[in-house]
């Protein structure tokens, strides 16, 4: 009897150890995969996405430097030197951020390109400091331009590679989730077949968690970014769920901005404009708000047709982008509210200058919208909104420039009301005009 008990005891102990081993294997494998997936997600968010945005900012900064450099060598304006210095400092900040761990793969050539560019830029800065314009022009032509083109090309390739890495990482994350699910279920089933009731709770928990994460991965891959996995606690599953949620919110935000864009001009719409204003107000950052409206646009559309009116709106959007791209900052926003209403949000100092340049560009382009007969007459006869015939002049443009620093507590509502008031005043004036609101 004792031998029987001893044998039974051994079997129970062996069975328990087998169950325990398989349970530990299942739990250990699942936790290791969860941890790896959490690390992969952190890699995507903290390295790949971050590097992708930094490379984009570097590209925009280099293009801005190029424009400023050309203007400075031609105009030799000290104000442009200060603006160039600001762009250089911004470039250095982005370069240091890229070089900050954790680093993406194959970033060493990019760092080398950046170092070479900075060394050449230091030479140009020294020549500009001593106002040796001929030497500065020589450095710009022979050194800076080739290096900048080389760096821009490499940044474009590097950015494309980062996009591929992000897409590959998301696909692998979904694939690994499915594989982890299958392997965990297999190990757990073996434990169950060996009568491992203790592992039942673990199996159900892992199965539910992996199923939720797989569902979240599939929904995100299908473009549904509002799904939140139903996971609880503070373990790796919860961390991974949190990462999925943050990724979904970020992708949803990007999708909303894309859908908000005006389909005619592809410029950001009301959502992006409101967010930019609120963000600058929240940072207590002074800015200029340019509200741009076309005068006599409806009369033009009635005379020349809907297609011609749409072409005018698209070309005005192009003018705004060109002016802001040449004379503004990479941080400026050009938006299209709808119809013939546009918005430009720029720095406090450049608002009035941009308004002047926009009027110049529009005035130069507006004759091309009309027939030779209407151009020579400078007007045409049409019906107003009440059906009364009257003479309409050629289209003009009105720009209300509202600086945020003339409010004690700036808000979108206050800026909008002042824009409407200034616009109504400008529309009764002759020709294209802008007005800078100076009253506190």
Protein backbone atom coordinates (compact mmCIF):
# COMPACT_ATOMS: atom_id res chain seq x y z
CA UNK A 1 0.00 0.00 0.00
CA UNK A 2 2.87 2.28 0.84
CA UNK A 3 4.48 1.51 -2.48
CA UNK A 4 1.17 2.29 -4.23
CA UNK A 5 0.89 5.59 -2.39
CA UNK A 6 4.45 6.33 -3.21
CA UNK A 7 3.82 5.55 -6.87
CA UNK A 8 0.67 7.63 -6.94
CA UNK A 9 2.47 10.45 -5.21
CA UNK A 10 5.24 10.34 -7.75
CA UNK A 11 2.72 10.39 -10.59
CA UNK A 12 0.91 13.30 -9.03
CA UNK A 13 4.17 15.11 -8.47
CA UNK A 14 5.33 14.32 -11.99
CA UNK A 15 1.95 15.32 -13.40
CA UNK A 16 1.97 18.52 -11.40
CA UNK A 17 5.50 19.29 -12.54
CA UNK A 18 4.54 18.63 -16.15
CA UNK A 19 1.52 20.87 -15.82
CA UNK A 20 3.62 23.48 -14.07
CA UNK A 21 6.33 23.33 -16.71
CA UNK A 22 3.91 23.69 -19.60
CA UNK A 23 2.03 26.43 -17.80
CA UNK A 24 5.27 28.26 -17.14
CA UNK A 25 6.30 27.74 -20.76
CA UNK A 26 2.99 29.14 -21.99
CA UNK A 27 3.08 32.10 -19.66
CA UNK A 28 6.77 32.72 -20.25
CA UNK A 29 6.41 32.59 -24.02
CA UNK A 30 3.38 34.88 -23.99
CA UNK A 31 5.08 37.39 -21.71
CA UNK A 32 8.25 37.36 -23.79
CA UNK A 33 6.24 37.98 -26.97
CA UNK A 34 4.24 40.69 -25.27
CA UNK A 35 7.42 42.33 -24.05
CA UNK A 36 8.97 42.10 -27.50
CA UNK A 37 5.86 43.55 -29.11
CA UNK A 38 5.85 46.36 -26.56
CA UNK A 39 9.50 47.07 -27.41
CA UNK A 40 8.69 46.95 -31.13
CA UNK A 41 5.82 49.38 -30.62
CA UNK A 42 8.03 51.71 -28.59
CA UNK A 43 10.64 51.45 -31.34
CA UNK A 44 8.04 52.51 -33.91
CA UNK A 45 6.71 55.39 -31.83
CA UNK A 46 9.92 56.67 -30.20
CA UNK A 47 12.40 56.01 -33.02
CA UNK A 48 10.83 55.50 -36.43
CA UNK A 49 7.97 58.02 -36.14
CA UNK A 50 10.21 60.53 -34.33
CA UNK A 51 12.97 60.22 -36.95
CA UNK A 52 10.42 60.49 -39.77
CA UNK A 53 9.15 63.81 -38.40
CA UNK A 54 12.67 65.13 -37.73
CA UNK A 55 13.79 64.34 -41.29
CA UNK A 56 10.71 66.17 -42.59
CA UNK A 57 11.57 69.19 -40.41
CA UNK A 58 15.18 69.11 -41.67
CA UNK A 59 13.99 69.13 -45.28
CA UNK A 60 11.75 72.12 -44.66
CA UNK A 61 14.53 73.91 -42.78
CA UNK A 62 17.03 73.35 -45.62
CA UNK A 63 14.59 74.74 -48.17
CA UNK A 64 14.00 77.76 -45.94
CA UNK A 65 17.79 78.25 -45.57
CA UNK A 66 18.19 78.11 -49.32
CA UNK A 67 15.60 80.85 -49.88
CA UNK A 68 17.07 83.08 -47.18
CA UNK A 69 20.62 82.53 -48.43
CA UNK A 70 19.70 83.54 -51.99
CA UNK A 71 17.90 86.67 -50.78
CA UNK A 72 20.75 87.62 -48.43
CA UNK A 73 23.42 87.35 -51.13
CA UNK A 74 21.31 89.50 -53.43
CA UNK A 75 19.82 92.06 -51.03
CA UNK A 76 22.58 92.02 -48.35
CA UNK A 77 19.99 92.93 -45.75
CA UNK A 78 21.09 92.58 -42.07
CA UNK A 79 17.57 91.48 -41.15
CA UNK A 80 17.99 88.48 -43.44
CA UNK A 81 21.24 87.62 -41.65
CA UNK A 82 19.35 87.41 -38.37
CA UNK A 83 16.69 85.27 -40.01
CA UNK A 84 19.38 83.02 -41.48
CA UNK A 85 20.97 82.64 -38.04
CA UNK A 86 17.63 81.56 -36.60
CA UNK A 87 17.21 78.94 -39.32
CA UNK A 88 20.77 77.69 -38.69
CA UNK A 89 20.09 77.35 -34.97
CA UNK A 90 16.90 75.49 -35.78
CA UNK A 91 18.85 73.18 -38.10
CA UNK A 92 21.40 72.47 -35.35
CA UNK A 93 18.61 71.64 -32.92
CA UNK A 94 17.09 69.13 -35.35
CA UNK A 95 20.52 67.63 -36.04
CA UNK A 96 21.19 67.15 -32.32
CA UNK A 97 17.75 65.61 -31.89
CA UNK A 98 18.43 63.05 -34.64
CA UNK A 99 21.76 62.17 -33.00
CA UNK A 100 20.05 61.56 -29.63
CA UNK A 101 19.58 57.89 -28.62
CA UNK A 102 17.80 55.73 -29.40
CA UNK A 103 19.13 56.01 -32.95
CA UNK A 104 17.48 54.47 -36.02
CA UNK A 105 19.37 52.08 -38.25
CA UNK A 106 21.77 53.44 -40.88
CA UNK A 107 21.72 56.93 -39.39
CA UNK A 108 25.53 57.30 -39.43
CA UNK A 109 25.73 58.44 -43.12
CA UNK A 110 23.03 61.03 -42.43
CA UNK A 111 24.96 62.37 -39.42
CA UNK A 112 28.08 62.57 -41.59
CA UNK A 113 26.18 64.49 -44.29
CA UNK A 114 24.87 66.89 -41.64
CA UNK A 115 28.35 67.44 -40.15
CA UNK A 116 29.80 68.23 -43.59
CA UNK A 117 26.98 70.66 -44.26
CA UNK A 118 27.45 72.41 -40.91
CA UNK A 119 31.21 72.79 -41.51
CA UNK A 120 30.53 74.39 -44.88
CA UNK A 121 27.83 76.58 -43.33
CA UNK A 122 30.32 77.82 -40.72
CA UNK A 123 32.62 78.98 -43.53
CA UNK A 124 29.75 80.80 -45.18
CA UNK A 125 28.73 82.37 -41.86
CA UNK A 126 32.28 83.63 -41.34
CA UNK A 127 32.35 85.23 -44.80
CA UNK A 128 28.97 86.84 -44.19
CA UNK A 129 30.10 88.11 -40.79
CA UNK A 130 33.01 89.97 -42.40
CA UNK A 131 30.67 91.00 -45.26
CA UNK A 132 32.98 89.39 -47.80
CA UNK A 133 30.14 89.05 -50.27
CA UNK A 134 32.17 87.77 -53.21
CA UNK A 135 33.74 85.03 -51.11
CA UNK A 136 30.35 84.24 -49.60
CA UNK A 137 28.85 83.94 -53.09
CA UNK A 138 31.69 81.62 -54.07
CA UNK A 139 31.16 79.40 -51.02
CA UNK A 140 27.41 79.32 -51.63
CA UNK A 141 27.76 78.38 -55.29
CA UNK A 142 30.64 75.93 -55.11
CA UNK A 143 30.11 74.32 -51.70
CA UNK A 144 26.78 75.06 -50.05
CA UNK A 145 24.45 74.43 -52.99
CA UNK A 146 25.98 71.04 -53.95
CA UNK A 147 26.06 69.95 -50.29
CA UNK A 148 22.48 71.11 -49.75
CA UNK A 149 21.25 69.28 -52.86
CA UNK A 150 23.15 66.17 -51.79
CA UNK A 151 21.72 66.35 -48.27
CA UNK A 152 18.16 66.97 -49.52
CA UNK A 153 18.39 63.97 -51.84
CA UNK A 154 19.69 61.80 -49.04
CA UNK A 155 16.96 63.05 -46.68
CA UNK A 156 14.32 62.20 -49.28
CA UNK A 157 15.70 58.67 -49.65
CA UNK A 158 16.11 58.33 -45.89
CA UNK A 159 12.55 59.52 -45.27
CA UNK A 160 11.22 57.02 -47.80
CA UNK A 161 13.19 54.28 -46.08
CA UNK A 162 11.73 55.35 -42.71
CA UNK A 163 8.24 55.13 -44.17
CA UNK A 164 8.98 51.61 -45.39
CA UNK A 165 10.34 50.71 -41.95
CA UNK A 166 7.14 51.97 -40.33
CA UNK A 167 4.95 50.01 -42.73
CA UNK A 168 7.06 46.90 -42.28
CA UNK A 169 7.02 47.30 -38.50
CA UNK A 170 3.23 47.56 -38.42
CA UNK A 171 2.88 44.50 -40.64
CA UNK A 172 5.34 42.50 -38.54
CA UNK A 173 3.59 43.57 -35.36
CA UNK A 174 0.32 42.13 -36.66
CA UNK A 175 2.04 38.97 -37.91
CA UNK A 176 3.91 38.40 -34.66
CA UNK A 177 0.70 38.89 -32.70
CA UNK A 178 -0.98 36.12 -34.70
CA UNK A 179 2.03 33.83 -34.38
CA UNK A 180 2.24 34.44 -30.65
CA UNK A 181 -1.42 33.63 -30.31
CA UNK A 182 -1.08 30.34 -32.15
CA UNK A 183 2.03 29.21 -30.28
CA UNK A 184 0.64 30.18 -26.89
CA UNK A 185 -2.58 28.28 -27.55
CA UNK A 186 -0.61 25.22 -28.66
CA UNK A 187 1.55 25.13 -25.52
CA UNK A 188 -1.44 25.77 -23.34
CA UNK A 189 -3.50 23.01 -24.97
CA UNK A 190 -0.71 20.55 -24.21
CA UNK A 191 -0.88 21.59 -20.59
CA UNK A 192 -4.67 21.16 -20.59
CA UNK A 193 -4.39 17.68 -22.13
CA UNK A 194 -2.09 16.80 -19.23
CA UNK A 195 -4.81 17.83 -16.82
CA UNK A 196 -3.54 21.22 -15.84
CA UNK A 197 -6.61 22.87 -14.32
CA UNK A 198 -4.38 25.39 -12.60
CA UNK A 199 -3.40 26.83 -15.95
CA UNK A 200 -6.99 27.30 -17.12
CA UNK A 201 -7.21 30.87 -15.82
CA UNK A 202 -3.89 31.78 -17.42
CA UNK A 203 -4.98 30.31 -20.75
CA UNK A 204 -8.23 32.23 -20.81
CA UNK A 205 -6.47 35.45 -19.85
CA UNK A 206 -3.80 35.14 -22.50
CA UNK A 207 -6.31 34.08 -25.14
CA UNK A 208 -8.54 37.07 -24.43
CA UNK A 209 -5.65 39.52 -24.38
CA UNK A 210 -4.06 38.31 -27.59
CA UNK A 211 -7.45 38.21 -29.30
CA UNK A 212 -8.11 41.81 -28.35
CA UNK A 213 -4.68 42.94 -29.53
CA UNK A 214 -5.05 41.04 -32.78
CA UNK A 215 -8.44 42.64 -33.31
CA UNK A 216 -6.93 46.06 -32.61
CA UNK A 217 -4.14 45.39 -35.11
CA UNK A 218 -6.61 44.31 -37.78
CA UNK A 219 -8.88 47.32 -37.18
CA UNK A 220 -5.95 49.74 -37.38
CA UNK A 221 -4.73 48.02 -40.56
CA UNK A 222 -8.26 48.45 -41.98
CA UNK A 223 -8.24 52.17 -41.20
CA UNK A 224 -10.45 52.07 -38.08
CA UNK A 225 -8.45 53.99 -35.52
CA UNK A 226 -11.07 54.39 -32.78
CA UNK A 227 -10.80 50.83 -31.41
CA UNK A 228 -9.47 50.46 -27.86
CA UNK A 229 -8.48 46.96 -26.68
CA UNK A 230 -10.31 45.92 -23.53
CA UNK A 231 -7.26 45.10 -21.42
CA UNK A 232 -6.82 45.76 -17.73
CA UNK A 233 -3.98 46.09 -15.25
CA UNK A 234 -0.50 47.53 -15.67
CA UNK A 235 1.36 44.66 -17.31
CA UNK A 236 2.82 44.41 -20.80
CA UNK A 237 -0.62 43.77 -22.30
CA UNK A 238 -1.94 47.00 -20.84
CA UNK A 239 1.18 48.86 -22.01
CA UNK A 240 0.80 47.44 -25.49
CA UNK A 241 -2.88 48.35 -25.46
CA UNK A 242 -1.96 51.88 -24.42
CA UNK A 243 0.55 52.08 -27.28
CA UNK A 244 -2.12 50.82 -29.69
CA UNK A 245 -4.54 53.43 -28.41
CA UNK A 246 -2.00 56.23 -28.77
CA UNK A 247 -1.11 55.06 -32.26
CA UNK A 248 -4.78 54.93 -33.20
CA UNK A 249 -5.38 58.44 -31.86
CA UNK A 250 -2.36 59.76 -33.80
CA UNK A 251 -3.46 58.08 -37.03
CA UNK A 252 -7.03 59.28 -36.51
CA UNK A 253 -5.78 62.81 -36.01
CA UNK A 254 -3.75 62.64 -39.22
CA UNK A 255 -6.76 61.24 -41.08
CA UNK A 256 -9.01 64.06 -39.82
CA UNK A 257 -6.51 66.68 -40.97
CA UNK A 258 -6.35 65.02 -44.38
CA UNK A 259 -10.15 64.89 -44.70
CA UNK A 260 -10.39 68.49 -43.49
CA UNK A 261 -8.24 69.73 -46.39
CA UNK A 262 -10.06 71.73 -49.04
CA UNK A 263 -10.57 69.46 -52.10
CA UNK A 264 -9.98 72.30 -54.57
CA UNK A 265 -6.76 73.82 -53.22
CA UNK A 266 -5.67 70.92 -50.94
CA UNK A 267 -5.02 73.54 -48.27
CA UNK A 268 -5.84 72.81 -44.61
CA UNK A 269 -9.42 73.61 -43.61
CA UNK A 270 -11.18 74.95 -40.54
CA UNK A 271 -10.09 72.13 -38.22
CA UNK A 272 -6.39 72.65 -38.89
CA UNK A 273 -6.72 76.44 -38.74
CA UNK A 274 -8.54 76.35 -35.39
CA UNK A 275 -5.98 73.91 -33.96
CA UNK A 276 -3.07 76.11 -35.05
CA UNK A 277 -4.62 79.21 -33.47
CA UNK A 278 -5.42 77.39 -30.22
CA UNK A 279 -1.94 75.89 -30.11
CA UNK A 280 -0.23 79.27 -30.50
CA UNK A 281 -2.54 80.86 -27.96
CA UNK A 282 -1.86 78.00 -25.56
CA UNK A 283 1.89 78.52 -25.96
CA UNK A 284 1.39 82.26 -25.49
CA UNK A 285 3.08 82.79 -28.82
CA UNK A 286 2.36 86.05 -30.64
CA UNK A 287 1.32 85.66 -34.27
CA UNK A 288 -0.31 87.44 -37.20
CA UNK A 289 -3.70 86.27 -38.48
CA UNK A 290 -4.32 87.21 -42.14
CA UNK A 291 -7.93 86.90 -43.31
CA UNK A 292 -8.01 87.04 -47.13
CA UNK A 293 -11.17 87.63 -49.17
CA UNK A 294 -11.75 88.18 -52.90
CA UNK A 295 -13.89 91.15 -53.89
CA UNK A 296 -16.46 90.80 -56.72
CA UNK A 297 -15.78 87.08 -57.00
CA UNK A 298 -19.47 86.13 -57.27
CA UNK A 299 -19.98 88.55 -60.15
CA UNK A 300 -16.96 87.04 -61.88
CA UNK A 301 -18.30 83.48 -61.44
CA UNK A 302 -21.72 84.51 -62.75
CA UNK A 303 -20.13 85.99 -65.86
CA UNK A 304 -17.42 83.41 -66.64
CA UNK A 305 -18.89 80.26 -65.12
CA UNK A 306 -18.27 77.87 -62.26
CA UNK A 307 -15.15 76.30 -63.83
CA UNK A 308 -13.44 79.66 -64.25
CA UNK A 309 -14.30 80.58 -60.67
CA UNK A 310 -12.82 77.31 -59.41
CA UNK A 311 -9.63 78.02 -61.39
CA UNK A 312 -9.36 81.43 -59.73
CA UNK A 313 -9.72 79.91 -56.25
CA UNK A 314 -7.06 77.30 -57.03
CA UNK A 315 -4.64 79.92 -58.40
CA UNK A 316 -5.15 82.17 -55.39
CA UNK A 317 -4.27 79.20 -53.18
CA UNK A 318 -1.12 78.71 -55.25
CA UNK A 319 -0.21 82.40 -54.86
CA UNK A 320 -0.58 82.17 -51.08
CA UNK A 321 1.61 79.09 -50.87
CA UNK A 322 4.26 80.68 -53.09
CA UNK A 323 4.34 83.94 -51.14
CA UNK A 324 4.48 82.24 -47.75
CA UNK A 325 7.05 79.74 -49.05
CA UNK A 326 9.32 82.53 -50.32
CA UNK A 327 8.81 85.19 -47.65
CA UNK A 328 7.36 83.35 -44.67
CA UNK A 329 8.47 80.55 -42.41
CA UNK A 330 8.17 76.78 -42.55
CA UNK A 331 6.05 77.11 -39.40
CA UNK A 332 3.48 79.33 -41.15
CA UNK A 333 0.05 77.90 -42.01
CA UNK A 334 -1.86 78.60 -45.22
CA UNK A 335 -5.51 77.55 -44.93
CA UNK A 336 -8.66 77.66 -47.06
CA UNK A 337 -11.84 78.29 -45.06
CA UNK A 338 -14.03 77.76 -48.12
CA UNK A 339 -15.24 79.70 -51.12
CA UNK A 340 -13.10 82.81 -51.63
CA UNK A 341 -11.97 83.06 -48.00
CA UNK A 342 -8.43 82.11 -46.98
CA UNK A 343 -6.31 82.37 -43.85
CA UNK A 344 -2.56 82.73 -43.29
CA UNK A 345 -1.10 82.37 -39.80
CA UNK A 346 2.44 83.69 -39.57
CA UNK A 347 4.86 85.31 -37.19
CA UNK A 348 4.02 88.67 -35.67
CA UNK A 349 6.64 90.57 -37.68
CA UNK A 350 5.92 89.13 -41.12
CA UNK A 351 2.13 89.55 -41.30
CA UNK A 352 2.06 92.98 -42.95
CA UNK A 353 4.88 92.11 -45.36
CA UNK A 354 3.13 88.94 -46.47
CA UNK A 355 -0.08 90.91 -47.07
CA UNK A 356 1.82 93.29 -49.36
CA UNK A 357 3.38 90.42 -51.29
CA UNK A 358 0.05 88.63 -51.65
CA UNK A 359 -1.55 91.77 -53.08
CA UNK A 360 1.36 92.19 -55.50
CA UNK A 361 1.05 88.61 -56.72
CA UNK A 362 -2.72 88.79 -57.07
CA UNK A 363 -2.64 92.16 -58.86
CA UNK A 364 -0.12 90.78 -61.36
CA UNK A 365 -2.22 87.70 -62.05
CA UNK A 366 -5.80 89.06 -62.03
CA UNK A 367 -5.86 90.44 -65.64
CA UNK A 368 -5.32 86.91 -66.97
CA UNK A 369 -8.70 85.92 -65.55
CA UNK A 370 -10.63 88.28 -67.87
CA UNK A 371 -11.25 88.65 -71.58
CA UNK A 372 -9.43 91.35 -73.55
CA UNK A 373 -12.62 93.40 -73.70
CA UNK A 374 -13.13 93.36 -69.94
CA UNK A 375 -9.42 94.04 -69.32
CA UNK A 376 -9.50 97.16 -71.48
CA UNK A 377 -12.71 98.41 -69.92
CA UNK A 378 -11.53 97.59 -66.41
CA UNK A 379 -15.07 96.47 -65.58
CA UNK A 380 -18.13 94.67 -66.93
CA UNK A 381 -21.90 94.88 -66.60
CA UNK A 382 -23.68 92.14 -64.69
CA UNK A 383 -26.50 91.46 -62.27
CA UNK A 384 -25.98 91.64 -58.54
CA UNK A 385 -27.49 89.21 -56.04
CA UNK A 386 -30.78 91.15 -56.21
CA UNK A 387 -31.06 90.87 -59.99
CA UNK A 388 -30.18 94.52 -60.57
CA UNK A 389 -27.80 95.32 -63.41
CA UNK A 390 -24.71 97.25 -62.36
CA UNK A 391 -21.11 97.72 -63.34
CA UNK A 392 -18.58 95.53 -61.55
CA UNK A 393 -14.85 96.32 -61.47
CA UNK A 394 -12.22 93.63 -61.92
CA UNK A 395 -11.62 91.40 -58.93
CA UNK A 396 -9.56 92.78 -56.08
CA UNK A 397 -8.34 91.27 -52.83
CA UNK A 398 -8.85 92.44 -49.24
CA UNK A 399 -6.63 91.30 -46.38
CA UNK A 400 -7.31 91.89 -42.70
CA UNK A 401 -4.11 91.56 -40.67
CA UNK A 402 -4.86 90.92 -36.99
CA UNK A 403 -1.86 90.69 -34.62
CA UNK A 404 -2.52 88.61 -31.53
CA UNK A 405 -0.53 90.92 -29.25
CA UNK A 406 -3.19 93.64 -29.33
CA UNK A 407 -5.43 91.41 -27.18
CA UNK A 408 -4.92 91.06 -23.48
CA UNK A 409 -6.48 87.59 -23.69
CA UNK A 410 -6.52 86.47 -27.36
CA UNK A 411 -9.16 84.01 -28.54
CA UNK A 412 -10.39 82.57 -31.82
CA UNK A 413 -13.74 84.33 -31.39
CA UNK A 414 -12.18 87.77 -30.84
CA UNK A 415 -9.85 87.34 -33.82
CA UNK A 416 -12.73 86.17 -36.02
CA UNK A 417 -14.90 89.14 -35.06
CA UNK A 418 -12.12 91.64 -35.77
CA UNK A 419 -11.41 89.95 -39.12
CA UNK A 420 -15.06 90.32 -40.13
CA UNK A 421 -15.15 93.97 -39.07
CA UNK A 422 -11.92 94.91 -40.88
CA UNK A 423 -12.97 92.94 -43.97
CA UNK A 424 -16.26 94.83 -44.25
CA UNK A 425 -14.36 98.11 -44.10
CA UNK A 426 -11.85 97.02 -46.77
CA UNK A 427 -14.53 95.79 -49.17
CA UNK A 428 -15.97 99.30 -49.56
CA UNK A 429 -12.54 100.67 -50.52
CA UNK A 430 -11.34 100.81 -54.10
CA UNK A 431 -8.72 98.35 -55.36
CA UNK A 432 -6.82 95.70 -53.45
CA UNK A 433 -6.03 96.70 -49.87
CA UNK A 434 -4.87 95.35 -46.57
CA UNK A 435 -5.33 96.76 -43.10
CA UNK A 436 -3.26 96.08 -40.01
CA UNK A 437 -5.34 96.26 -36.85
CA UNK A 438 -3.32 98.39 -34.41
CA UNK A 439 -5.97 99.23 -31.84
CA UNK A 440 -5.64 97.54 -28.47
